[in-house]
Amino acid sequence: MSARQAKRELGRSALIFAALGDRNRLLIIARLSSEGPLSISRLTHGGSVTRQAVTKHLHVLANAGLAGSSKSGRESVWQLEPEPLDAARRCLDSISVQWDAALNRLKTFVER
């Protein structure tokens, strides 16, 4: 991966991490992941978050590429878009490899 691609991937991941940084949005993603596509009324049912708040959170997730909607009759049905989560995971994996290498260099230095 070129430096330009890596920088673009990090920027995209930052948007994803920002969207996931909210507890309610993270819960919505978890529900879409475990229960499949859901309407806003289903996402609102049984919770303490209003329909308007859920809608706002869904739009933030959609702007990050994490969720998408389609119409089913009069309702919008929202579903998880997993590719951005995979990209964020790859970003974290890359950072993990870099940290492991840095810790190994530190260990080697200290042991000398």
N, C-alpha and C. Protein backbone atom coordinates (compact mmCIF):
# COMPACT_ATOMS: atom_id res chain seq x y z
N MET A 1 0.85 -1.18 0.00
CA MET A 1 0.00 0.00 0.00
C MET A 1 0.89 1.24 0.00
N SER A 2 0.58 2.19 -0.88
CA SER A 2 1.38 3.40 -0.96
C SER A 2 1.09 4.31 0.23
N ALA A 3 1.95 5.29 0.45
CA ALA A 3 1.76 6.23 1.55
C ALA A 3 0.46 7.01 1.37
N ARG A 4 0.14 7.35 0.15
CA ARG A 4 -1.10 8.09 -0.12
C ARG A 4 -2.32 7.24 0.21
N GLN A 5 -2.29 5.97 -0.17
CA GLN A 5 -3.40 5.06 0.14
C GLN A 5 -3.53 4.86 1.65
N ALA A 6 -2.39 4.71 2.31
CA ALA A 6 -2.41 4.52 3.77
C ALA A 6 -3.00 5.74 4.46
N LYS A 7 -2.64 6.94 4.00
CA LYS A 7 -3.17 8.16 4.58
C LYS A 7 -4.68 8.26 4.35
N ARG A 8 -5.12 7.89 3.16
CA ARG A 8 -6.56 7.91 2.86
C ARG A 8 -7.31 6.91 3.73
N GLU A 9 -6.71 5.72 3.91
CA GLU A 9 -7.32 4.68 4.75
C GLU A 9 -7.43 5.15 6.20
N LEU A 10 -6.39 5.83 6.70
CA LEU A 10 -6.43 6.36 8.07
C LEU A 10 -7.51 7.42 8.22
N GLY A 11 -7.64 8.29 7.22
CA GLY A 11 -8.68 9.31 7.27
C GLY A 11 -10.07 8.71 7.27
N ARG A 12 -10.26 7.69 6.45
CA ARG A 12 -11.55 7.00 6.40
C ARG A 12 -11.83 6.30 7.74
N SER A 13 -10.80 5.69 8.30
CA SER A 13 -10.97 5.01 9.59
C SER A 13 -11.28 5.99 10.70
N ALA A 14 -10.70 7.19 10.66
CA ALA A 14 -10.98 8.19 11.68
C ALA A 14 -12.46 8.55 11.69
N LEU A 15 -13.06 8.67 10.52
CA LEU A 15 -14.49 8.96 10.42
C LEU A 15 -15.31 7.82 11.02
N ILE A 16 -14.88 6.60 10.77
CA ILE A 16 -15.58 5.42 11.31
C ILE A 16 -15.45 5.39 12.84
N PHE A 17 -14.23 5.60 13.35
CA PHE A 17 -14.03 5.57 14.79
C PHE A 17 -14.81 6.69 15.48
N ALA A 18 -14.89 7.85 14.84
CA ALA A 18 -15.66 8.96 15.41
C ALA A 18 -17.14 8.58 15.49
N ALA A 19 -17.65 7.94 14.45
CA ALA A 19 -19.06 7.52 14.45
C ALA A 19 -19.31 6.46 15.52
N LEU A 20 -18.37 5.58 15.72
CA LEU A 20 -18.52 4.51 16.70
C LEU A 20 -18.22 4.98 18.13
N GLY A 21 -17.73 6.19 18.28
CA GLY A 21 -17.36 6.71 19.59
C GLY A 21 -18.55 7.06 20.48
N ASP A 22 -19.73 7.02 19.91
CA ASP A 22 -20.93 7.30 20.68
C ASP A 22 -21.59 5.99 21.10
N ARG A 23 -21.94 5.88 22.37
CA ARG A 23 -22.53 4.64 22.91
C ARG A 23 -23.78 4.23 22.15
N ASN A 24 -24.67 5.18 21.88
CA ASN A 24 -25.92 4.85 21.18
C ASN A 24 -25.67 4.34 19.77
N ARG A 25 -24.74 4.97 19.08
CA ARG A 25 -24.43 4.50 17.71
C ARG A 25 -23.79 3.12 17.74
N LEU A 26 -22.94 2.89 18.73
CA LEU A 26 -22.32 1.57 18.85
C LEU A 26 -23.38 0.51 19.14
N LEU A 27 -24.36 0.85 19.97
CA LEU A 27 -25.47 -0.08 20.23
C LEU A 27 -26.30 -0.34 18.98
N ILE A 28 -26.52 0.69 18.18
CA ILE A 28 -27.27 0.52 16.93
C ILE A 28 -26.52 -0.42 16.01
N ILE A 29 -25.22 -0.22 15.87
CA ILE A 29 -24.40 -1.10 15.02
C ILE A 29 -24.47 -2.53 15.53
N ALA A 30 -24.39 -2.71 16.84
CA ALA A 30 -24.45 -4.06 17.41
C ALA A 30 -25.79 -4.71 17.09
N ARG A 31 -26.88 -3.95 17.19
CA ARG A 31 -28.20 -4.52 16.89
C ARG A 31 -28.32 -4.85 15.41
N LEU A 32 -27.86 -3.97 14.54
CA LEU A 32 -27.93 -4.25 13.10
C LEU A 32 -27.07 -5.47 12.75
N SER A 33 -25.98 -5.62 13.45
CA SER A 33 -25.10 -6.77 13.22
C SER A 33 -25.74 -8.07 13.67
N SER A 34 -26.38 -8.05 14.83
CA SER A 34 -26.93 -9.29 15.37
C SER A 34 -28.34 -9.60 14.88
N GLU A 35 -29.14 -8.57 14.61
CA GLU A 35 -30.53 -8.79 14.25
C GLU A 35 -30.82 -8.60 12.77
N GLY A 36 -29.87 -8.06 12.03
CA GLY A 36 -30.10 -7.83 10.61
C GLY A 36 -30.79 -6.50 10.38
N PRO A 37 -31.26 -6.26 9.16
CA PRO A 37 -31.91 -4.99 8.83
C PRO A 37 -33.11 -4.72 9.74
N LEU A 38 -33.20 -3.46 10.21
CA LEU A 38 -34.28 -3.07 11.12
C LEU A 38 -34.82 -1.70 10.73
N SER A 39 -36.10 -1.52 10.98
CA SER A 39 -36.72 -0.21 10.77
C SER A 39 -36.37 0.69 11.97
N ILE A 40 -36.59 1.97 11.79
CA ILE A 40 -36.33 2.91 12.88
C ILE A 40 -37.23 2.60 14.07
N SER A 41 -38.48 2.24 13.79
CA SER A 41 -39.38 1.92 14.91
C SER A 41 -38.90 0.69 15.66
N ARG A 42 -38.35 -0.30 14.97
CA ARG A 42 -37.80 -1.48 15.65
C ARG A 42 -36.55 -1.11 16.45
N LEU A 43 -35.73 -0.23 15.90
CA LEU A 43 -34.52 0.21 16.62
C LEU A 43 -34.88 1.03 17.85
N THR A 44 -36.00 1.72 17.81
CA THR A 44 -36.43 2.56 18.93
C THR A 44 -37.13 1.74 20.00
N HIS A 45 -37.83 0.69 19.61
CA HIS A 45 -38.65 -0.10 20.52
C HIS A 45 -37.82 -0.67 21.69
N GLY A 46 -38.33 -0.45 22.89
CA GLY A 46 -37.70 -1.01 24.08
C GLY A 46 -36.52 -0.22 24.60
N GLY A 47 -36.19 0.87 23.95
CA GLY A 47 -35.05 1.66 24.41
C GLY A 47 -35.48 2.99 24.97
N SER A 48 -34.52 3.75 25.43
CA SER A 48 -34.80 5.05 26.01
C SER A 48 -34.48 6.19 25.05
N VAL A 49 -34.08 5.85 23.83
CA VAL A 49 -33.70 6.86 22.85
C VAL A 49 -34.90 7.13 21.94
N THR A 50 -35.16 8.40 21.68
CA THR A 50 -36.31 8.78 20.86
C THR A 50 -36.10 8.41 19.40
N ARG A 51 -37.18 8.37 18.68
CA ARG A 51 -37.13 8.09 17.24
C ARG A 51 -36.26 9.13 16.52
N GLN A 52 -36.40 10.39 16.91
CA GLN A 52 -35.60 11.45 16.29
C GLN A 52 -34.11 11.26 16.56
N ALA A 53 -33.78 10.85 17.79
CA ALA A 53 -32.37 10.63 18.13
C ALA A 53 -31.81 9.44 17.36
N VAL A 54 -32.59 8.37 17.25
CA VAL A 54 -32.14 7.19 16.49
C VAL A 54 -31.91 7.58 15.03
N THR A 55 -32.83 8.37 14.48
CA THR A 55 -32.68 8.82 13.10
C THR A 55 -31.40 9.63 12.92
N LYS A 56 -31.13 10.52 13.86
CA LYS A 56 -29.90 11.33 13.81
C LYS A 56 -28.67 10.43 13.86
N HIS A 57 -28.67 9.46 14.76
CA HIS A 57 -27.53 8.55 14.88
C HIS A 57 -27.36 7.71 13.61
N LEU A 58 -28.45 7.29 13.02
CA LEU A 58 -28.37 6.50 11.78
C LEU A 58 -27.76 7.32 10.65
N HIS A 59 -28.07 8.60 10.60
CA HIS A 59 -27.50 9.46 9.55
C HIS A 59 -26.00 9.65 9.76
N VAL A 60 -25.56 9.74 11.01
CA VAL A 60 -24.12 9.82 11.28
C VAL A 60 -23.44 8.52 10.83
N LEU A 61 -24.06 7.39 11.14
CA LEU A 61 -23.51 6.10 10.73
C LEU A 61 -23.49 5.98 9.21
N ALA A 62 -24.54 6.47 8.56
CA ALA A 62 -24.59 6.43 7.09
C ALA A 62 -23.50 7.31 6.49
N ASN A 63 -23.26 8.48 7.06
CA ASN A 63 -22.21 9.37 6.56
C ASN A 63 -20.82 8.74 6.69
N ALA A 64 -20.67 7.87 7.67
CA ALA A 64 -19.39 7.15 7.84
C ALA A 64 -19.35 5.89 6.99
N GLY A 65 -20.45 5.59 6.29
CA GLY A 65 -20.50 4.40 5.45
C GLY A 65 -20.83 3.12 6.19
N LEU A 66 -21.22 3.24 7.45
CA LEU A 66 -21.46 2.06 8.29
C LEU A 66 -22.87 1.50 8.20
N ALA A 67 -23.79 2.28 7.70
CA ALA A 67 -25.18 1.84 7.60
C ALA A 67 -25.80 2.42 6.33
N GLY A 68 -26.76 1.71 5.83
CA GLY A 68 -27.49 2.17 4.66
C GLY A 68 -28.95 1.84 4.83
N SER A 69 -29.80 2.53 4.08
CA SER A 69 -31.24 2.29 4.22
C SER A 69 -31.88 2.03 2.87
N SER A 70 -33.02 1.39 2.96
CA SER A 70 -33.87 1.19 1.79
C SER A 70 -35.31 1.32 2.27
N LYS A 71 -36.19 1.60 1.35
CA LYS A 71 -37.60 1.77 1.71
C LYS A 71 -38.31 0.43 1.67
N SER A 72 -39.14 0.21 2.68
CA SER A 72 -40.02 -0.94 2.73
C SER A 72 -41.40 -0.39 3.09
N GLY A 73 -42.21 -0.16 2.07
CA GLY A 73 -43.49 0.49 2.31
C GLY A 73 -43.24 1.93 2.70
N ARG A 74 -43.78 2.33 3.86
CA ARG A 74 -43.61 3.70 4.33
C ARG A 74 -42.39 3.86 5.22
N GLU A 75 -41.75 2.77 5.59
CA GLU A 75 -40.63 2.84 6.53
C GLU A 75 -39.28 2.66 5.83
N SER A 76 -38.29 3.26 6.44
CA SER A 76 -36.90 3.02 6.03
C SER A 76 -36.37 1.85 6.85
N VAL A 77 -35.74 0.93 6.17
CA VAL A 77 -35.12 -0.21 6.84
C VAL A 77 -33.61 -0.02 6.72
N TRP A 78 -32.95 -0.08 7.86
CA TRP A 78 -31.51 0.18 7.93
C TRP A 78 -30.75 -1.13 8.09
N GLN A 79 -29.61 -1.18 7.43
CA GLN A 79 -28.76 -2.36 7.54
C GLN A 79 -27.31 -1.95 7.71
N LEU A 80 -26.56 -2.85 8.29
CA LEU A 80 -25.13 -2.67 8.51
C LEU A 80 -24.39 -2.79 7.19
N GLU A 81 -23.42 -1.92 6.99
CA GLU A 81 -22.50 -2.01 5.86
C GLU A 81 -21.15 -2.44 6.43
N PRO A 82 -20.78 -3.70 6.31
CA PRO A 82 -19.60 -4.22 7.03
C PRO A 82 -18.25 -3.79 6.48
N GLU A 83 -18.16 -3.39 5.24
CA GLU A 83 -16.84 -3.08 4.65
C GLU A 83 -16.09 -2.00 5.44
N PRO A 84 -16.72 -0.89 5.84
CA PRO A 84 -15.97 0.10 6.62
C PRO A 84 -15.44 -0.45 7.95
N LEU A 85 -16.18 -1.36 8.56
CA LEU A 85 -15.69 -1.99 9.79
C LEU A 85 -14.45 -2.83 9.50
N ASP A 86 -14.45 -3.51 8.37
CA ASP A 86 -13.27 -4.28 7.97
C ASP A 86 -12.07 -3.36 7.74
N ALA A 87 -12.32 -2.20 7.12
CA ALA A 87 -11.24 -1.24 6.88
C ALA A 87 -10.70 -0.71 8.20
N ALA A 88 -11.58 -0.43 9.15
CA ALA A 88 -11.14 0.05 10.47
C ALA A 88 -10.34 -1.04 11.19
N ARG A 89 -10.77 -2.29 11.06
CA ARG A 89 -10.04 -3.39 11.67
C ARG A 89 -8.64 -3.50 11.07
N ARG A 90 -8.54 -3.35 9.75
CA ARG A 90 -7.22 -3.39 9.11
C ARG A 90 -6.33 -2.26 9.61
N CYS A 91 -6.93 -1.10 9.83
CA CYS A 91 -6.18 0.04 10.37
C CYS A 91 -5.64 -0.29 11.76
N LEU A 92 -6.50 -0.84 12.61
CA LEU A 92 -6.06 -1.22 13.96
C LEU A 92 -5.01 -2.32 13.92
N ASP A 93 -5.17 -3.27 13.00
CA ASP A 93 -4.17 -4.33 12.85
C ASP A 93 -2.81 -3.74 12.47
N SER A 94 -2.81 -2.77 11.57
CA SER A 94 -1.58 -2.12 11.15
C SER A 94 -0.91 -1.39 12.31
N ILE A 95 -1.70 -0.69 13.08
CA ILE A 95 -1.16 0.02 14.24
C ILE A 95 -0.63 -0.97 15.26
N SER A 96 -1.31 -2.10 15.43
CA SER A 96 -0.86 -3.13 16.36
C SER A 96 0.50 -3.69 15.95
N VAL A 97 0.68 -3.93 14.66
CA VAL A 97 1.96 -4.43 14.15
C VAL A 97 3.07 -3.41 14.42
N GLN A 98 2.76 -2.13 14.20
CA GLN A 98 3.74 -1.08 14.44
C GLN A 98 4.12 -1.01 15.92
N TRP A 99 3.15 -1.13 16.81
CA TRP A 99 3.42 -1.12 18.25
C TRP A 99 4.25 -2.33 18.65
N ASP A 100 3.92 -3.50 18.12
CA ASP A 100 4.69 -4.69 18.43
C ASP A 100 6.15 -4.52 18.01
N ALA A 101 6.37 -3.96 16.83
CA ALA A 101 7.73 -3.72 16.35
C ALA A 101 8.46 -2.73 17.26
N ALA A 102 7.77 -1.66 17.66
CA ALA A 102 8.39 -0.66 18.55
C ALA A 102 8.73 -1.27 19.90
N LEU A 103 7.85 -2.08 20.44
CA LEU A 103 8.13 -2.73 21.73
C LEU A 103 9.29 -3.72 21.61
N ASN A 104 9.37 -4.42 20.50
CA ASN A 104 10.50 -5.34 20.29
C ASN A 104 11.81 -4.58 20.20
N ARG A 105 11.81 -3.41 19.50
CA ARG A 105 13.03 -2.60 19.44
C ARG A 105 13.42 -2.10 20.82
N LEU A 106 12.43 -1.69 21.61
CA LEU A 106 12.70 -1.23 22.97
C LEU A 106 13.26 -2.36 23.83
N LYS A 107 12.69 -3.53 23.71
CA LYS A 107 13.17 -4.68 24.47
C LYS A 107 14.61 -5.01 24.11
N THR A 108 14.91 -5.00 22.82
CA THR A 108 16.26 -5.28 22.36
C THR A 108 17.23 -4.23 22.90
N PHE A 109 16.84 -2.97 22.87
CA PHE A 109 17.68 -1.89 23.39
C PHE A 109 17.94 -2.05 24.89
N VAL A 110 16.89 -2.36 25.65
CA VAL A 110 17.02 -2.48 27.10
C VAL A 110 17.88 -3.68 27.46
N GLU A 111 17.76 -4.75 26.71
CA GLU A 111 18.52 -5.98 27.03
C GLU A 111 19.99 -5.85 26.67
N ARG A 112 20.36 -4.88 25.88
CA ARG A 112 21.77 -4.68 25.54
C ARG A 112 22.43 -4.03 26.66
